Amino acid sequence: ERHCEYVPSRISNTGDVIDAVNVYEQLELSPMEKVIAIGLNTANEIICYYDVAMGASNCCDLDIKNVVAPLLISGASKLILVHNHPSGHCQSSRQDFDVSTKVKAACDILRIQFLDHLVIAKDGFCRCI
């Protein structure tokens, strides 16, 4: 788990999320698919930032427990999920939307607000929620 000390104090838009990710890594340049979770408090301040999964060049196996456990430990009340597409193309796949559906269901049970799921690639970003 990494704490974000040099990022915007509040996440208010997608640009803030991308800026926060770029503080730690250039996710869009990674040759492997990687999933990052960002936990926020009720004021939309980042309280946890952590790697959820790392995969191959075209897929990543995600365990929902790895997404929600750090949120519970940190006391986060909101979640933003971010992952990259090493192909460089920012087009959400059916699997991306399926992951969003499963994560949202888990968050709903735990009363954690699932705000967004972003895909970052060399050609930009897109949402899959």
Protein backbone atom coordinates (compact mmCIF):
# COMPACT_ATOMS: atom_id res chain seq x y z
CA GLU A 1 0.00 0.00 0.00
CA ARG A 2 1.29 3.44 -0.93
CA HIS A 3 -0.03 6.65 0.50
CA CYS A 4 -0.41 9.60 -1.85
CA GLU A 5 1.30 12.59 -0.29
CA TYR A 6 2.05 14.62 -3.42
CA VAL A 7 -1.19 14.38 -5.34
CA PRO A 8 -4.23 16.65 -5.44
CA SER A 9 -5.75 16.88 -1.98
CA ARG A 10 -9.11 15.94 -3.45
CA ILE A 11 -10.17 13.92 -6.44
CA SER A 12 -12.84 15.91 -8.23
CA ASN A 13 -12.54 14.64 -11.80
CA THR A 14 -10.92 12.06 -14.04
CA GLY A 15 -7.92 14.30 -14.64
CA ASP A 16 -7.17 14.28 -10.91
CA VAL A 17 -7.24 10.46 -10.93
CA ILE A 18 -4.80 10.28 -13.84
CA ASP A 19 -2.54 12.86 -12.18
CA ALA A 20 -2.54 10.77 -8.98
CA VAL A 21 -1.58 7.61 -10.87
CA ASN A 22 1.15 9.46 -12.77
CA VAL A 23 2.78 10.50 -9.49
CA TYR A 24 3.74 6.86 -8.96
CA GLU A 25 3.98 5.30 -12.38
CA GLN A 26 3.40 5.69 -16.08
CA LEU A 27 0.76 3.00 -16.20
CA GLU A 28 0.02 3.58 -19.88
CA LEU A 29 3.60 2.49 -20.73
CA SER A 30 3.61 -0.76 -18.75
CA PRO A 31 4.10 -3.87 -20.92
CA MET A 32 1.93 -5.88 -18.53
CA GLU A 33 -1.70 -5.27 -17.61
CA LYS A 34 -1.87 -3.89 -14.09
CA VAL A 35 -4.83 -2.99 -11.88
CA ILE A 36 -4.57 -0.19 -9.29
CA ALA A 37 -7.11 0.71 -6.62
CA ILE A 38 -7.47 4.14 -5.07
CA GLY A 39 -9.37 4.44 -1.81
CA LEU A 40 -10.92 7.76 -0.85
CA ASN A 41 -12.47 9.15 2.30
CA THR A 42 -15.81 10.95 2.34
CA ALA A 43 -14.09 14.21 1.30
CA ASN A 44 -12.66 12.48 -1.83
CA GLU A 45 -9.12 12.62 -0.41
CA ILE A 46 -6.85 9.71 -1.28
CA ILE A 47 -6.19 7.58 1.77
CA CYS A 48 -4.83 4.47 0.05
CA TYR A 49 -3.33 3.58 -3.30
CA TYR A 50 -2.39 -0.02 -3.98
CA ASP A 51 -1.71 -2.65 -6.63
CA VAL A 52 -4.56 -5.12 -6.99
CA ALA A 53 -3.29 -7.43 -9.73
CA MET A 54 -0.64 -7.82 -12.40
CA GLY A 55 -1.20 -9.88 -15.51
CA ALA A 56 0.05 -10.66 -18.96
CA SER A 57 0.18 -8.33 -21.93
CA ASN A 58 -3.53 -8.79 -22.66
CA CYS A 59 -5.29 -9.88 -19.47
CA CYS A 60 -5.21 -9.77 -15.70
CA ASP A 61 -6.83 -12.14 -13.21
CA LEU A 62 -8.54 -10.08 -10.53
CA ASP A 63 -9.54 -11.41 -7.11
CA ILE A 64 -12.24 -9.19 -5.59
CA LYS A 65 -10.84 -9.84 -2.09
CA ASN A 66 -7.63 -8.07 -3.14
CA VAL A 67 -9.69 -5.04 -4.13
CA VAL A 68 -11.84 -4.66 -1.03
CA ALA A 69 -9.61 -5.85 1.86
CA PRO A 70 -7.29 -2.79 1.86
CA LEU A 71 -10.33 -0.51 1.63
CA LEU A 72 -11.74 -2.02 4.80
CA ILE A 73 -8.39 -1.82 6.61
CA SER A 74 -7.86 1.83 5.64
CA GLY A 75 -11.44 2.87 6.35
CA ALA A 76 -11.98 4.10 2.79
CA SER A 77 -15.55 4.93 1.89
CA LYS A 78 -15.04 5.23 -1.89
CA LEU A 79 -13.14 3.34 -4.59
CA ILE A 80 -11.70 4.15 -7.99
CA LEU A 81 -10.25 1.28 -10.01
CA VAL A 82 -7.67 1.98 -12.73
CA HIS A 83 -5.95 -0.39 -15.12
CA ASN A 84 -3.95 -0.17 -18.29
CA HIS A 85 -4.19 -1.70 -21.74
CA PRO A 86 -0.63 -2.52 -22.85
CA SER A 87 -1.85 -2.68 -26.47
CA GLY A 88 -1.98 1.11 -26.31
CA HIS A 89 -5.65 1.19 -27.29
CA CYS A 90 -8.19 2.48 -24.87
CA GLN A 91 -11.25 0.45 -25.67
CA SER A 92 -13.09 -1.21 -22.80
CA SER A 93 -13.59 -4.94 -23.20
CA ARG A 94 -16.47 -7.13 -22.09
CA GLN A 95 -14.16 -8.41 -19.32
CA ASP A 96 -13.55 -4.85 -18.14
CA PHE A 97 -17.28 -4.27 -17.73
CA ASP A 98 -17.69 -7.68 -16.04
CA VAL A 99 -15.00 -6.75 -13.50
CA SER A 100 -16.76 -3.44 -12.84
CA THR A 101 -20.04 -5.25 -12.21
CA LYS A 102 -18.43 -7.67 -9.74
CA VAL A 103 -16.50 -4.97 -7.91
CA LYS A 104 -19.61 -2.79 -7.67
CA ALA A 105 -21.60 -5.69 -6.20
CA ALA A 106 -18.92 -6.30 -3.55
CA CYS A 107 -18.69 -2.58 -2.76
CA ASP A 108 -22.47 -2.30 -2.45
CA ILE A 109 -22.50 -5.06 0.18
CA LEU A 110 -19.74 -3.28 2.13
CA ARG A 111 -21.29 0.18 1.67
CA ILE A 112 -18.28 1.45 -0.23
CA GLN A 113 -19.13 3.76 -3.11
CA PHE A 114 -17.59 2.52 -6.38
CA LEU A 115 -16.99 5.79 -8.23
CA ASP A 116 -15.23 4.77 -11.41
CA HIS A 117 -13.22 2.22 -13.35
CA LEU A 118 -10.77 3.79 -15.78
CA VAL A 119 -8.65 2.24 -18.51
CA ILE A 120 -5.46 4.11 -19.32
CA ALA A 121 -3.60 3.52 -22.58
CA LYS A 122 -1.16 5.36 -24.81
CA ASP A 123 -4.04 6.78 -26.84
CA GLY A 124 -5.90 8.18 -23.84
CA PHE A 125 -8.34 6.87 -21.27
CA CYS A 126 -11.90 5.57 -21.13
CA ARG A 127 -14.41 4.51 -18.51
CA CYS A 128 -15.81 1.03 -18.07
CA ILE A 129 -18.53 1.44 -15.51
